[in-house]
N, C-alpha and C. Protein backbone atom coordinates (compact mmCIF):
# COMPACT_ATOMS: atom_id res chain seq x y z
N MET A 1 -22.56 18.06 -14.90
CA MET A 1 -22.76 17.04 -13.86
C MET A 1 -21.41 16.66 -13.27
N SER A 2 -21.29 16.66 -11.94
CA SER A 2 -20.03 16.33 -11.29
C SER A 2 -19.78 14.83 -11.34
N VAL A 3 -18.51 14.47 -11.36
CA VAL A 3 -18.10 13.06 -11.37
C VAL A 3 -17.60 12.72 -9.98
N THR A 4 -18.14 11.68 -9.39
CA THR A 4 -17.76 11.30 -8.03
C THR A 4 -17.19 9.89 -8.02
N VAL A 5 -16.50 9.57 -6.93
CA VAL A 5 -15.94 8.24 -6.74
C VAL A 5 -16.89 7.43 -5.88
N GLU A 6 -17.27 6.26 -6.36
CA GLU A 6 -18.17 5.39 -5.64
C GLU A 6 -17.38 4.36 -4.84
N HIS A 7 -18.05 3.72 -3.89
CA HIS A 7 -17.37 2.70 -3.08
C HIS A 7 -16.83 1.58 -3.96
N SER A 8 -17.61 1.19 -4.98
CA SER A 8 -17.16 0.12 -5.87
C SER A 8 -15.93 0.54 -6.68
N ASP A 9 -15.75 1.85 -6.87
CA ASP A 9 -14.56 2.34 -7.57
C ASP A 9 -13.30 2.05 -6.77
N ASP A 10 -13.39 2.21 -5.45
CA ASP A 10 -12.23 1.92 -4.60
C ASP A 10 -11.85 0.45 -4.70
N GLN A 11 -12.85 -0.42 -4.75
CA GLN A 11 -12.57 -1.84 -4.90
C GLN A 11 -11.92 -2.12 -6.26
N PHE A 12 -12.41 -1.45 -7.29
CA PHE A 12 -11.86 -1.60 -8.63
C PHE A 12 -10.41 -1.11 -8.66
N LEU A 13 -10.15 0.04 -8.05
CA LEU A 13 -8.79 0.58 -8.00
C LEU A 13 -7.85 -0.37 -7.26
N GLN A 14 -8.35 -0.95 -6.18
CA GLN A 14 -7.53 -1.89 -5.41
C GLN A 14 -7.18 -3.11 -6.25
N GLN A 15 -8.15 -3.65 -6.97
CA GLN A 15 -7.91 -4.82 -7.82
C GLN A 15 -6.92 -4.49 -8.93
N LEU A 16 -7.09 -3.30 -9.53
CA LEU A 16 -6.19 -2.89 -10.60
C LEU A 16 -4.77 -2.72 -10.07
N HIS A 17 -4.64 -2.16 -8.89
CA HIS A 17 -3.32 -1.96 -8.29
C HIS A 17 -2.66 -3.29 -7.96
N GLN A 18 -3.42 -4.22 -7.38
CA GLN A 18 -2.87 -5.52 -7.02
C GLN A 18 -2.41 -6.29 -8.25
N ALA A 19 -3.13 -6.10 -9.36
CA ALA A 19 -2.76 -6.79 -10.60
C ALA A 19 -1.59 -6.13 -11.30
N GLY A 20 -1.19 -4.95 -10.83
CA GLY A 20 -0.10 -4.23 -11.47
C GLY A 20 -0.51 -3.59 -12.78
N GLY A 21 -1.83 -3.34 -12.95
CA GLY A 21 -2.36 -2.78 -14.19
C GLY A 21 -3.05 -3.86 -15.00
N GLY A 22 -3.70 -3.46 -16.09
CA GLY A 22 -4.38 -4.45 -16.91
C GLY A 22 -5.05 -3.84 -18.12
N THR A 23 -5.35 -4.69 -19.10
CA THR A 23 -6.07 -4.28 -20.30
C THR A 23 -7.57 -4.37 -20.03
N VAL A 24 -8.36 -3.85 -20.97
CA VAL A 24 -9.82 -3.93 -20.83
C VAL A 24 -10.25 -5.39 -20.74
N GLN A 25 -9.68 -6.23 -21.60
CA GLN A 25 -10.05 -7.65 -21.59
C GLN A 25 -9.71 -8.31 -20.26
N GLU A 26 -8.52 -8.02 -19.74
CA GLU A 26 -8.11 -8.61 -18.46
C GLU A 26 -9.02 -8.15 -17.33
N LEU A 27 -9.40 -6.87 -17.37
CA LEU A 27 -10.28 -6.34 -16.32
C LEU A 27 -11.68 -6.93 -16.43
N CYS A 28 -12.14 -7.17 -17.65
CA CYS A 28 -13.45 -7.81 -17.85
C CYS A 28 -13.45 -9.21 -17.24
N GLU A 29 -12.40 -9.97 -17.52
CA GLU A 29 -12.31 -11.33 -17.02
C GLU A 29 -12.22 -11.37 -15.51
N ALA A 30 -11.47 -10.42 -14.93
CA ALA A 30 -11.31 -10.39 -13.47
C ALA A 30 -12.60 -10.00 -12.77
N ALA A 31 -13.35 -9.06 -13.36
CA ALA A 31 -14.56 -8.54 -12.71
C ALA A 31 -15.82 -9.29 -13.13
N GLY A 32 -15.75 -10.02 -14.25
CA GLY A 32 -16.92 -10.74 -14.73
C GLY A 32 -18.01 -9.83 -15.26
N VAL A 33 -17.60 -8.71 -15.88
CA VAL A 33 -18.57 -7.76 -16.44
C VAL A 33 -18.23 -7.50 -17.90
N THR A 34 -19.09 -6.74 -18.58
CA THR A 34 -18.90 -6.48 -20.00
C THR A 34 -17.82 -5.43 -20.24
N ALA A 35 -17.32 -5.42 -21.47
CA ALA A 35 -16.32 -4.42 -21.85
C ALA A 35 -16.89 -3.01 -21.76
N THR A 36 -18.17 -2.87 -22.08
CA THR A 36 -18.81 -1.55 -22.00
C THR A 36 -18.79 -1.02 -20.58
N ALA A 37 -19.12 -1.88 -19.62
CA ALA A 37 -19.13 -1.47 -18.21
C ALA A 37 -17.73 -1.09 -17.74
N VAL A 38 -16.73 -1.88 -18.15
CA VAL A 38 -15.35 -1.60 -17.75
C VAL A 38 -14.89 -0.28 -18.35
N ARG A 39 -15.18 -0.06 -19.64
CA ARG A 39 -14.73 1.18 -20.29
C ARG A 39 -15.39 2.41 -19.67
N GLN A 40 -16.66 2.29 -19.31
CA GLN A 40 -17.33 3.42 -18.66
C GLN A 40 -16.66 3.78 -17.35
N ARG A 41 -16.31 2.76 -16.57
CA ARG A 41 -15.64 3.02 -15.29
C ARG A 41 -14.23 3.58 -15.52
N LEU A 42 -13.51 3.01 -16.48
CA LEU A 42 -12.17 3.50 -16.78
C LEU A 42 -12.20 4.96 -17.22
N ASN A 43 -13.15 5.31 -18.07
CA ASN A 43 -13.25 6.69 -18.54
C ASN A 43 -13.52 7.65 -17.39
N ARG A 44 -14.38 7.23 -16.48
CA ARG A 44 -14.72 8.08 -15.33
C ARG A 44 -13.52 8.25 -14.40
N LEU A 45 -12.80 7.16 -14.14
CA LEU A 45 -11.65 7.23 -13.25
C LEU A 45 -10.48 7.98 -13.90
N GLN A 46 -10.38 7.88 -15.23
CA GLN A 46 -9.38 8.69 -15.93
C GLN A 46 -9.70 10.17 -15.80
N HIS A 47 -10.98 10.50 -15.94
CA HIS A 47 -11.42 11.89 -15.82
C HIS A 47 -11.08 12.45 -14.44
N LEU A 48 -11.14 11.58 -13.43
CA LEU A 48 -10.83 11.99 -12.06
C LEU A 48 -9.33 12.00 -11.78
N GLY A 49 -8.54 11.53 -12.75
CA GLY A 49 -7.09 11.52 -12.58
C GLY A 49 -6.57 10.39 -11.72
N LEU A 50 -7.38 9.35 -11.53
CA LEU A 50 -6.99 8.25 -10.65
C LEU A 50 -6.30 7.11 -11.39
N ILE A 51 -6.53 7.01 -12.70
CA ILE A 51 -5.85 6.01 -13.51
C ILE A 51 -5.36 6.67 -14.79
N GLU A 52 -4.44 5.99 -15.46
CA GLU A 52 -3.93 6.48 -16.74
C GLU A 52 -3.81 5.32 -17.72
N ARG A 53 -3.83 5.65 -19.00
CA ARG A 53 -3.72 4.63 -20.04
C ARG A 53 -2.34 4.70 -20.68
N GLN A 54 -1.74 3.55 -20.88
CA GLN A 54 -0.41 3.48 -21.48
C GLN A 54 -0.42 2.52 -22.66
N ALA A 55 0.31 2.89 -23.71
CA ALA A 55 0.44 2.01 -24.87
C ALA A 55 1.52 0.97 -24.57
N VAL A 56 1.19 -0.29 -24.79
CA VAL A 56 2.12 -1.39 -24.54
C VAL A 56 2.36 -2.12 -25.85
N ARG A 57 3.61 -2.19 -26.26
CA ARG A 57 3.94 -2.87 -27.52
C ARG A 57 4.58 -4.22 -27.21
N ALA A 58 4.02 -5.26 -27.77
CA ALA A 58 4.56 -6.61 -27.60
C ALA A 58 4.77 -7.23 -28.98
N GLY A 59 6.01 -7.19 -29.43
CA GLY A 59 6.30 -7.73 -30.75
C GLY A 59 5.81 -6.82 -31.85
N ARG A 60 5.51 -7.40 -33.00
CA ARG A 60 5.04 -6.61 -34.14
C ARG A 60 3.55 -6.30 -34.00
N GLY A 61 3.11 -5.40 -34.83
CA GLY A 61 1.70 -5.05 -34.81
C GLY A 61 1.41 -3.83 -33.97
N ARG A 62 0.16 -3.48 -33.93
CA ARG A 62 -0.26 -2.30 -33.19
C ARG A 62 -0.15 -2.53 -31.69
N PRO A 63 0.24 -1.51 -30.95
CA PRO A 63 0.30 -1.67 -29.48
C PRO A 63 -1.10 -1.75 -28.89
N HIS A 64 -1.22 -2.40 -27.75
CA HIS A 64 -2.49 -2.40 -27.03
C HIS A 64 -2.37 -1.46 -25.84
N HIS A 65 -3.48 -1.17 -25.22
CA HIS A 65 -3.48 -0.22 -24.12
C HIS A 65 -3.74 -0.92 -22.79
N ALA A 66 -2.97 -0.52 -21.80
CA ALA A 66 -3.15 -1.03 -20.44
C ALA A 66 -3.38 0.15 -19.50
N TYR A 67 -4.05 -0.12 -18.41
CA TYR A 67 -4.40 0.92 -17.45
C TYR A 67 -3.70 0.65 -16.12
N ARG A 68 -3.29 1.72 -15.48
CA ARG A 68 -2.64 1.62 -14.17
C ARG A 68 -3.01 2.82 -13.33
N LEU A 69 -2.78 2.71 -12.02
CA LEU A 69 -3.10 3.82 -11.13
C LEU A 69 -2.09 4.96 -11.29
N THR A 70 -2.57 6.17 -11.19
CA THR A 70 -1.70 7.34 -11.10
C THR A 70 -1.26 7.51 -9.65
N ASP A 71 -0.39 8.48 -9.41
CA ASP A 71 0.00 8.77 -8.03
C ASP A 71 -1.22 9.15 -7.20
N ALA A 72 -2.15 9.89 -7.82
CA ALA A 72 -3.37 10.29 -7.10
C ALA A 72 -4.21 9.07 -6.74
N GLY A 73 -4.24 8.09 -7.65
CA GLY A 73 -4.98 6.86 -7.38
C GLY A 73 -4.37 6.07 -6.24
N GLN A 74 -3.03 5.98 -6.23
CA GLN A 74 -2.35 5.27 -5.15
C GLN A 74 -2.52 6.01 -3.83
N GLN A 75 -2.50 7.33 -3.90
CA GLN A 75 -2.69 8.11 -2.68
C GLN A 75 -4.08 7.89 -2.11
N ARG A 76 -5.07 7.76 -2.98
CA ARG A 76 -6.44 7.52 -2.50
C ARG A 76 -6.52 6.19 -1.75
N LEU A 77 -5.80 5.19 -2.24
CA LEU A 77 -5.81 3.90 -1.56
C LEU A 77 -5.01 3.93 -0.27
N GLY A 78 -4.05 4.87 -0.18
CA GLY A 78 -3.16 4.88 0.97
C GLY A 78 -3.75 5.52 2.20
N ASP A 79 -4.02 6.81 2.16
CA ASP A 79 -4.52 7.50 3.35
C ASP A 79 -5.16 8.82 2.95
N ASN A 80 -5.79 9.46 3.92
CA ASN A 80 -6.46 10.74 3.69
C ASN A 80 -5.80 11.87 4.47
N TYR A 81 -4.58 11.65 4.95
CA TYR A 81 -3.92 12.65 5.79
C TYR A 81 -2.54 12.99 5.25
N THR A 82 -2.41 12.97 3.94
CA THR A 82 -1.08 13.12 3.34
C THR A 82 -0.43 14.44 3.70
N GLU A 83 -1.15 15.54 3.56
CA GLU A 83 -0.55 16.85 3.80
C GLU A 83 -0.07 16.97 5.24
N LEU A 84 -0.89 16.51 6.18
CA LEU A 84 -0.50 16.58 7.59
C LEU A 84 0.72 15.70 7.85
N ALA A 85 0.72 14.49 7.29
CA ALA A 85 1.84 13.57 7.50
C ALA A 85 3.13 14.16 6.94
N LEU A 86 3.05 14.75 5.76
CA LEU A 86 4.24 15.35 5.14
C LEU A 86 4.77 16.51 5.99
N LEU A 87 3.86 17.33 6.48
CA LEU A 87 4.25 18.47 7.30
C LEU A 87 4.93 18.02 8.59
N LEU A 88 4.31 17.06 9.27
CA LEU A 88 4.87 16.58 10.53
C LEU A 88 6.22 15.89 10.32
N TRP A 89 6.31 15.13 9.23
CA TRP A 89 7.57 14.43 8.95
C TRP A 89 8.69 15.42 8.65
N ASP A 90 8.37 16.47 7.89
CA ASP A 90 9.37 17.50 7.59
C ASP A 90 9.81 18.21 8.86
N GLU A 91 8.86 18.49 9.75
CA GLU A 91 9.20 19.15 11.01
C GLU A 91 10.09 18.25 11.87
N LEU A 92 9.78 16.96 11.88
CA LEU A 92 10.60 16.01 12.64
C LEU A 92 12.04 16.02 12.15
N HIS A 93 12.20 15.93 10.83
CA HIS A 93 13.56 15.88 10.28
C HIS A 93 14.23 17.25 10.27
N GLY A 94 13.45 18.28 10.57
CA GLY A 94 14.04 19.61 10.68
C GLY A 94 14.61 19.91 12.06
N ILE A 95 14.41 19.01 13.01
CA ILE A 95 14.98 19.19 14.35
C ILE A 95 16.49 19.05 14.26
N GLU A 96 17.21 20.08 14.64
CA GLU A 96 18.65 20.10 14.44
C GLU A 96 19.41 19.21 15.41
N GLU A 97 18.96 19.14 16.65
CA GLU A 97 19.67 18.33 17.64
C GLU A 97 19.37 16.85 17.41
N THR A 98 20.42 16.10 17.12
CA THR A 98 20.26 14.68 16.81
C THR A 98 19.59 13.91 17.94
N ALA A 99 20.00 14.18 19.17
CA ALA A 99 19.44 13.45 20.31
C ALA A 99 17.94 13.70 20.44
N VAL A 100 17.54 14.93 20.23
CA VAL A 100 16.11 15.27 20.33
C VAL A 100 15.34 14.60 19.21
N ARG A 101 15.89 14.68 17.99
CA ARG A 101 15.22 14.06 16.83
C ARG A 101 15.06 12.56 17.03
N GLU A 102 16.10 11.91 17.52
CA GLU A 102 16.04 10.46 17.74
C GLU A 102 15.05 10.12 18.85
N ARG A 103 15.00 10.96 19.88
CA ARG A 103 14.07 10.70 20.98
C ARG A 103 12.62 10.79 20.49
N VAL A 104 12.32 11.79 19.66
CA VAL A 104 10.96 11.93 19.13
C VAL A 104 10.63 10.75 18.21
N THR A 105 11.58 10.36 17.36
CA THR A 105 11.36 9.23 16.46
C THR A 105 11.10 7.95 17.25
N ASN A 106 11.86 7.75 18.32
CA ASN A 106 11.67 6.56 19.16
C ASN A 106 10.29 6.56 19.81
N ARG A 107 9.82 7.73 20.21
CA ARG A 107 8.50 7.81 20.84
C ARG A 107 7.40 7.51 19.82
N ILE A 108 7.60 7.96 18.59
CA ILE A 108 6.63 7.64 17.53
C ILE A 108 6.61 6.14 17.29
N ARG A 109 7.80 5.53 17.22
CA ARG A 109 7.89 4.08 17.01
C ARG A 109 7.21 3.32 18.15
N GLU A 110 7.48 3.73 19.37
CA GLU A 110 6.88 3.06 20.53
C GLU A 110 5.36 3.20 20.53
N ALA A 111 4.87 4.37 20.13
CA ALA A 111 3.42 4.59 20.09
C ALA A 111 2.77 3.70 19.04
N LEU A 112 3.43 3.54 17.89
CA LEU A 112 2.89 2.68 16.84
C LEU A 112 2.93 1.21 17.25
N VAL A 113 4.00 0.81 17.92
CA VAL A 113 4.08 -0.56 18.41
C VAL A 113 2.93 -0.85 19.37
N LEU A 114 2.67 0.08 20.26
CA LEU A 114 1.57 -0.09 21.21
C LEU A 114 0.23 -0.11 20.49
N ARG A 115 0.09 0.75 19.51
CA ARG A 115 -1.18 0.87 18.78
C ARG A 115 -1.48 -0.39 17.98
N TYR A 116 -0.49 -0.88 17.23
CA TYR A 116 -0.71 -2.04 16.37
C TYR A 116 -0.56 -3.36 17.11
N GLY A 117 0.22 -3.36 18.18
CA GLY A 117 0.56 -4.63 18.82
C GLY A 117 -0.18 -4.95 20.09
N SER A 118 -1.11 -4.10 20.49
CA SER A 118 -1.79 -4.32 21.77
C SER A 118 -2.58 -5.63 21.80
N SER A 119 -3.00 -6.11 20.64
CA SER A 119 -3.79 -7.35 20.60
C SER A 119 -2.99 -8.52 20.02
N VAL A 120 -1.69 -8.34 19.85
CA VAL A 120 -0.84 -9.40 19.29
C VAL A 120 -0.20 -10.16 20.45
N ARG A 121 -0.71 -11.36 20.71
CA ARG A 121 -0.24 -12.14 21.87
C ARG A 121 0.05 -13.60 21.52
N GLY A 122 -0.02 -13.96 20.26
CA GLY A 122 0.14 -15.35 19.86
C GLY A 122 1.49 -15.93 20.24
N THR A 123 1.51 -17.23 20.48
CA THR A 123 2.76 -17.88 20.85
C THR A 123 3.57 -18.27 19.61
N SER A 124 2.89 -18.57 18.52
CA SER A 124 3.61 -18.93 17.29
C SER A 124 3.72 -17.71 16.38
N LEU A 125 4.69 -17.76 15.49
CA LEU A 125 4.90 -16.65 14.55
C LEU A 125 3.68 -16.48 13.65
N ALA A 126 3.11 -17.58 13.19
CA ALA A 126 1.94 -17.52 12.32
C ALA A 126 0.77 -16.84 13.03
N GLU A 127 0.58 -17.15 14.31
CA GLU A 127 -0.50 -16.52 15.08
C GLU A 127 -0.27 -15.02 15.19
N ARG A 128 0.96 -14.61 15.46
CA ARG A 128 1.25 -13.18 15.61
C ARG A 128 1.08 -12.44 14.29
N PHE A 129 1.47 -13.06 13.19
CA PHE A 129 1.25 -12.44 11.88
C PHE A 129 -0.25 -12.23 11.64
N GLY A 130 -1.04 -13.24 11.96
CA GLY A 130 -2.49 -13.13 11.78
C GLY A 130 -3.10 -12.06 12.66
N GLU A 131 -2.64 -11.95 13.89
CA GLU A 131 -3.16 -10.94 14.81
C GLU A 131 -2.76 -9.54 14.38
N LEU A 132 -1.54 -9.39 13.87
CA LEU A 132 -1.12 -8.08 13.36
C LEU A 132 -1.96 -7.69 12.15
N LYS A 133 -2.21 -8.65 11.28
CA LYS A 133 -3.07 -8.37 10.13
C LYS A 133 -4.43 -7.86 10.58
N THR A 134 -5.04 -8.54 11.54
CA THR A 134 -6.35 -8.13 12.04
C THR A 134 -6.31 -6.71 12.61
N SER A 135 -5.24 -6.40 13.34
CA SER A 135 -5.08 -5.07 13.92
C SER A 135 -4.97 -4.01 12.83
N LEU A 136 -4.19 -4.29 11.80
CA LEU A 136 -3.98 -3.31 10.73
C LEU A 136 -5.23 -3.13 9.88
N VAL A 137 -5.90 -4.23 9.56
CA VAL A 137 -7.14 -4.14 8.77
C VAL A 137 -8.18 -3.31 9.51
N GLY A 138 -8.24 -3.47 10.82
CA GLY A 138 -9.18 -2.70 11.61
C GLY A 138 -8.90 -1.21 11.61
N ARG A 139 -7.69 -0.84 11.18
CA ARG A 139 -7.32 0.58 11.09
C ARG A 139 -7.26 1.07 9.66
N GLY A 140 -7.86 0.30 8.75
CA GLY A 140 -7.97 0.76 7.37
C GLY A 140 -6.87 0.31 6.43
N PHE A 141 -5.89 -0.46 6.94
CA PHE A 141 -4.85 -0.98 6.07
C PHE A 141 -5.43 -2.11 5.21
N ARG A 142 -4.87 -2.29 4.03
CA ARG A 142 -5.23 -3.43 3.19
C ARG A 142 -4.07 -4.42 3.26
N VAL A 143 -4.27 -5.46 4.05
CA VAL A 143 -3.19 -6.37 4.40
C VAL A 143 -3.64 -7.81 4.21
N GLU A 144 -2.70 -8.64 3.76
CA GLU A 144 -2.93 -10.08 3.64
C GLU A 144 -1.80 -10.81 4.36
N VAL A 145 -2.09 -12.01 4.81
CA VAL A 145 -1.05 -12.89 5.34
C VAL A 145 -1.06 -14.16 4.51
N ASP A 146 0.09 -14.52 4.01
CA ASP A 146 0.24 -15.72 3.19
C ASP A 146 1.32 -16.58 3.82
N VAL A 147 1.38 -17.83 3.42
CA VAL A 147 2.40 -18.73 3.95
C VAL A 147 3.22 -19.27 2.80
N HIS A 148 4.52 -18.99 2.82
CA HIS A 148 5.45 -19.54 1.84
C HIS A 148 6.29 -20.59 2.56
N GLY A 149 6.05 -21.85 2.25
CA GLY A 149 6.72 -22.91 2.98
C GLY A 149 6.18 -22.96 4.39
N GLU A 150 7.07 -22.83 5.36
CA GLU A 150 6.64 -22.89 6.76
C GLU A 150 6.52 -21.50 7.39
N LEU A 151 6.91 -20.46 6.65
CA LEU A 151 6.96 -19.12 7.23
C LEU A 151 5.85 -18.23 6.68
N PRO A 152 5.20 -17.44 7.54
CA PRO A 152 4.17 -16.52 7.07
C PRO A 152 4.78 -15.29 6.41
N VAL A 153 4.01 -14.66 5.55
CA VAL A 153 4.41 -13.44 4.86
C VAL A 153 3.31 -12.40 5.05
N LEU A 154 3.70 -11.19 5.46
CA LEU A 154 2.75 -10.09 5.60
C LEU A 154 2.83 -9.24 4.34
N ARG A 155 1.69 -9.03 3.70
CA ARG A 155 1.66 -8.31 2.42
C ARG A 155 0.72 -7.11 2.53
N GLU A 156 1.26 -5.90 2.38
CA GLU A 156 0.44 -4.69 2.29
C GLU A 156 0.14 -4.45 0.82
N THR A 157 -1.13 -4.52 0.45
CA THR A 157 -1.48 -4.40 -0.96
C THR A 157 -1.67 -2.95 -1.39
N ASN A 158 -1.45 -2.02 -0.49
CA ASN A 158 -1.32 -0.61 -0.86
C ASN A 158 -0.42 0.06 0.16
N CYS A 159 0.23 1.12 -0.25
CA CYS A 159 1.13 1.82 0.66
C CYS A 159 0.34 2.84 1.48
N PRO A 160 0.34 2.73 2.80
CA PRO A 160 -0.40 3.70 3.61
C PRO A 160 0.29 5.06 3.68
N TYR A 161 1.52 5.14 3.19
CA TYR A 161 2.27 6.40 3.24
C TYR A 161 2.85 6.73 1.86
N HIS A 162 2.05 6.56 0.82
CA HIS A 162 2.57 6.58 -0.55
C HIS A 162 3.40 7.82 -0.86
N GLU A 163 2.80 9.00 -0.72
CA GLU A 163 3.52 10.22 -1.10
C GLU A 163 4.72 10.48 -0.20
N LEU A 164 4.57 10.19 1.08
CA LEU A 164 5.67 10.37 2.02
C LEU A 164 6.82 9.42 1.69
N ALA A 165 6.49 8.17 1.35
CA ALA A 165 7.52 7.19 1.02
C ALA A 165 8.26 7.57 -0.25
N GLN A 166 7.56 8.22 -1.19
CA GLN A 166 8.23 8.65 -2.42
C GLN A 166 9.30 9.69 -2.13
N ARG A 167 9.11 10.45 -1.07
CA ARG A 167 10.07 11.50 -0.72
C ARG A 167 11.15 11.02 0.22
N ASP A 168 10.82 10.05 1.08
CA ASP A 168 11.76 9.67 2.13
C ASP A 168 11.55 8.20 2.49
N SER A 169 12.53 7.37 2.15
CA SER A 169 12.40 5.93 2.39
C SER A 169 12.49 5.57 3.87
N SER A 170 12.88 6.52 4.72
CA SER A 170 13.02 6.19 6.14
C SER A 170 11.67 5.87 6.78
N ILE A 171 10.55 6.30 6.17
CA ILE A 171 9.24 5.92 6.71
C ILE A 171 9.03 4.42 6.52
N CYS A 172 9.57 3.86 5.43
CA CYS A 172 9.49 2.41 5.21
C CYS A 172 10.30 1.67 6.27
N GLU A 173 11.47 2.22 6.60
CA GLU A 173 12.32 1.61 7.62
C GLU A 173 11.63 1.66 8.98
N LEU A 174 10.97 2.79 9.27
CA LEU A 174 10.26 2.92 10.54
C LEU A 174 9.14 1.90 10.64
N GLU A 175 8.37 1.75 9.57
CA GLU A 175 7.28 0.78 9.58
C GLU A 175 7.81 -0.63 9.78
N GLN A 176 8.91 -0.96 9.11
CA GLN A 176 9.50 -2.29 9.27
C GLN A 176 9.94 -2.52 10.71
N GLN A 177 10.54 -1.52 11.33
CA GLN A 177 10.97 -1.64 12.72
C GLN A 177 9.78 -1.84 13.66
N VAL A 178 8.68 -1.14 13.38
CA VAL A 178 7.47 -1.31 14.19
C VAL A 178 6.95 -2.74 14.08
N PHE A 179 6.86 -3.24 12.85
CA PHE A 179 6.36 -4.61 12.65
C PHE A 179 7.29 -5.62 13.32
N GLU A 180 8.60 -5.39 13.25
CA GLU A 180 9.55 -6.31 13.88
C GLU A 180 9.34 -6.37 15.39
N GLN A 181 9.12 -5.22 16.00
CA GLN A 181 8.90 -5.20 17.45
C GLN A 181 7.58 -5.86 17.82
N VAL A 182 6.55 -5.61 17.03
CA VAL A 182 5.25 -6.21 17.32
C VAL A 182 5.31 -7.73 17.19
N LEU A 183 5.99 -8.20 16.14
CA LEU A 183 6.04 -9.64 15.85
C LEU A 183 7.13 -10.36 16.63
N GLY A 184 8.10 -9.61 17.14
CA GLY A 184 9.18 -10.22 17.89
C GLY A 184 10.15 -11.01 17.04
N THR A 185 10.34 -10.56 15.79
CA THR A 185 11.26 -11.26 14.90
C THR A 185 11.80 -10.29 13.85
N PRO A 186 13.04 -10.47 13.40
CA PRO A 186 13.56 -9.62 12.31
C PRO A 186 12.79 -9.89 11.01
N LEU A 187 12.64 -8.85 10.19
CA LEU A 187 11.92 -8.97 8.93
C LEU A 187 12.78 -8.51 7.78
N LYS A 188 12.47 -9.03 6.60
CA LYS A 188 13.08 -8.57 5.36
C LYS A 188 11.99 -7.97 4.49
N LEU A 189 12.22 -6.75 4.00
CA LEU A 189 11.27 -6.11 3.09
C LEU A 189 11.59 -6.62 1.69
N ALA A 190 10.86 -7.65 1.26
CA ALA A 190 11.18 -8.34 0.01
C ALA A 190 10.73 -7.56 -1.22
N SER A 191 9.66 -6.78 -1.11
CA SER A 191 9.21 -5.92 -2.20
C SER A 191 8.56 -4.70 -1.59
N CYS A 192 8.55 -3.60 -2.35
CA CYS A 192 8.08 -2.33 -1.79
C CYS A 192 7.38 -1.52 -2.87
N CYS A 193 6.22 -0.95 -2.53
CA CYS A 193 5.49 -0.11 -3.48
C CYS A 193 6.35 1.07 -3.94
N ARG A 194 7.20 1.56 -3.06
CA ARG A 194 8.07 2.69 -3.40
C ARG A 194 8.97 2.39 -4.59
N ASP A 195 9.31 1.11 -4.76
CA ASP A 195 10.19 0.70 -5.85
C ASP A 195 9.43 0.25 -7.09
N GLY A 196 8.11 0.49 -7.08
CA GLY A 196 7.31 0.15 -8.25
C GLY A 196 6.58 -1.17 -8.18
N HIS A 197 6.73 -1.89 -7.06
CA HIS A 197 6.01 -3.15 -6.91
C HIS A 197 4.55 -2.88 -6.56
N SER A 198 3.71 -3.89 -6.75
CA SER A 198 2.28 -3.71 -6.48
C SER A 198 1.94 -3.92 -5.01
N CYS A 199 2.92 -4.31 -4.19
CA CYS A 199 2.67 -4.50 -2.77
C CYS A 199 3.98 -4.41 -2.00
N CYS A 200 3.86 -4.27 -0.68
CA CYS A 200 5.02 -4.36 0.22
C CYS A 200 4.93 -5.71 0.92
N GLU A 201 5.98 -6.50 0.81
CA GLU A 201 5.99 -7.83 1.43
C GLU A 201 7.06 -7.91 2.50
N PHE A 202 6.63 -8.34 3.68
CA PHE A 202 7.54 -8.51 4.81
C PHE A 202 7.69 -10.00 5.10
N HIS A 203 8.93 -10.49 4.96
CA HIS A 203 9.23 -11.90 5.22
C HIS A 203 10.06 -12.01 6.49
N PRO A 204 9.87 -13.05 7.28
CA PRO A 204 10.79 -13.29 8.40
C PRO A 204 12.21 -13.44 7.86
N ALA A 205 13.15 -12.74 8.48
CA ALA A 205 14.54 -12.77 7.98
C ALA A 205 15.23 -14.07 8.37
C-alpha cells in the first residue's frame, strides 16, 4: 500500500516547523490529540522522509526523542518548482558579462516588486505590511505580520526558496530588496531559515 501526504499533514509539518521541532508529548498538547494518533502520523511522515527523529539529552538519565523537518520536509513547505528555480538561478549567475547579469537581475527584482506590490497602497507602514502579507499569502506564502512596540514585523514561517537559499544567500538579499521597495522602507533580516531559524523575520531598519 502506498503512503501519501494528506492536506492535514502539511498543516502538521508547518506547526512542527514553526515550533522548531518537538517531542511526542509536546505535539500531543499542541494538536489536542492522543499520543497514538501523533505517533502514527510521525511514523508515516518519517517513512516519507519528511521528518526525522533525534535523541536529545538533557542532564542525567536517558535521552528523549524530538522530531524535526528534514530538508525534504522544508522543501515541501517552500515550493514545488525547486529544480526549475535552481536551473534558472545557475544560468543567471553563469552570465559572464557583469552588466548583462545585473540588468537581468534588476528586471527580475522589478517584476517581483510589481507582482507583490501592485495592491500595496497603504499610507502607514503597518497598512503596507498588512497589504504585503495579503499579497504573499494569496500566492502561497506562509506569512504573518506582528507588531513589536510601534513597528510591524513581517515573518515568513517557511522559506519559499529553501534549497536555493542553502546554495546561495543572494536569493535572500534579493527577496529583502523586493520587500524594501514594496514597503518603501529599509529592512533588517533579523532571523533567517537559512541559518537554522524556524522563520525569516523582516524588521524595519
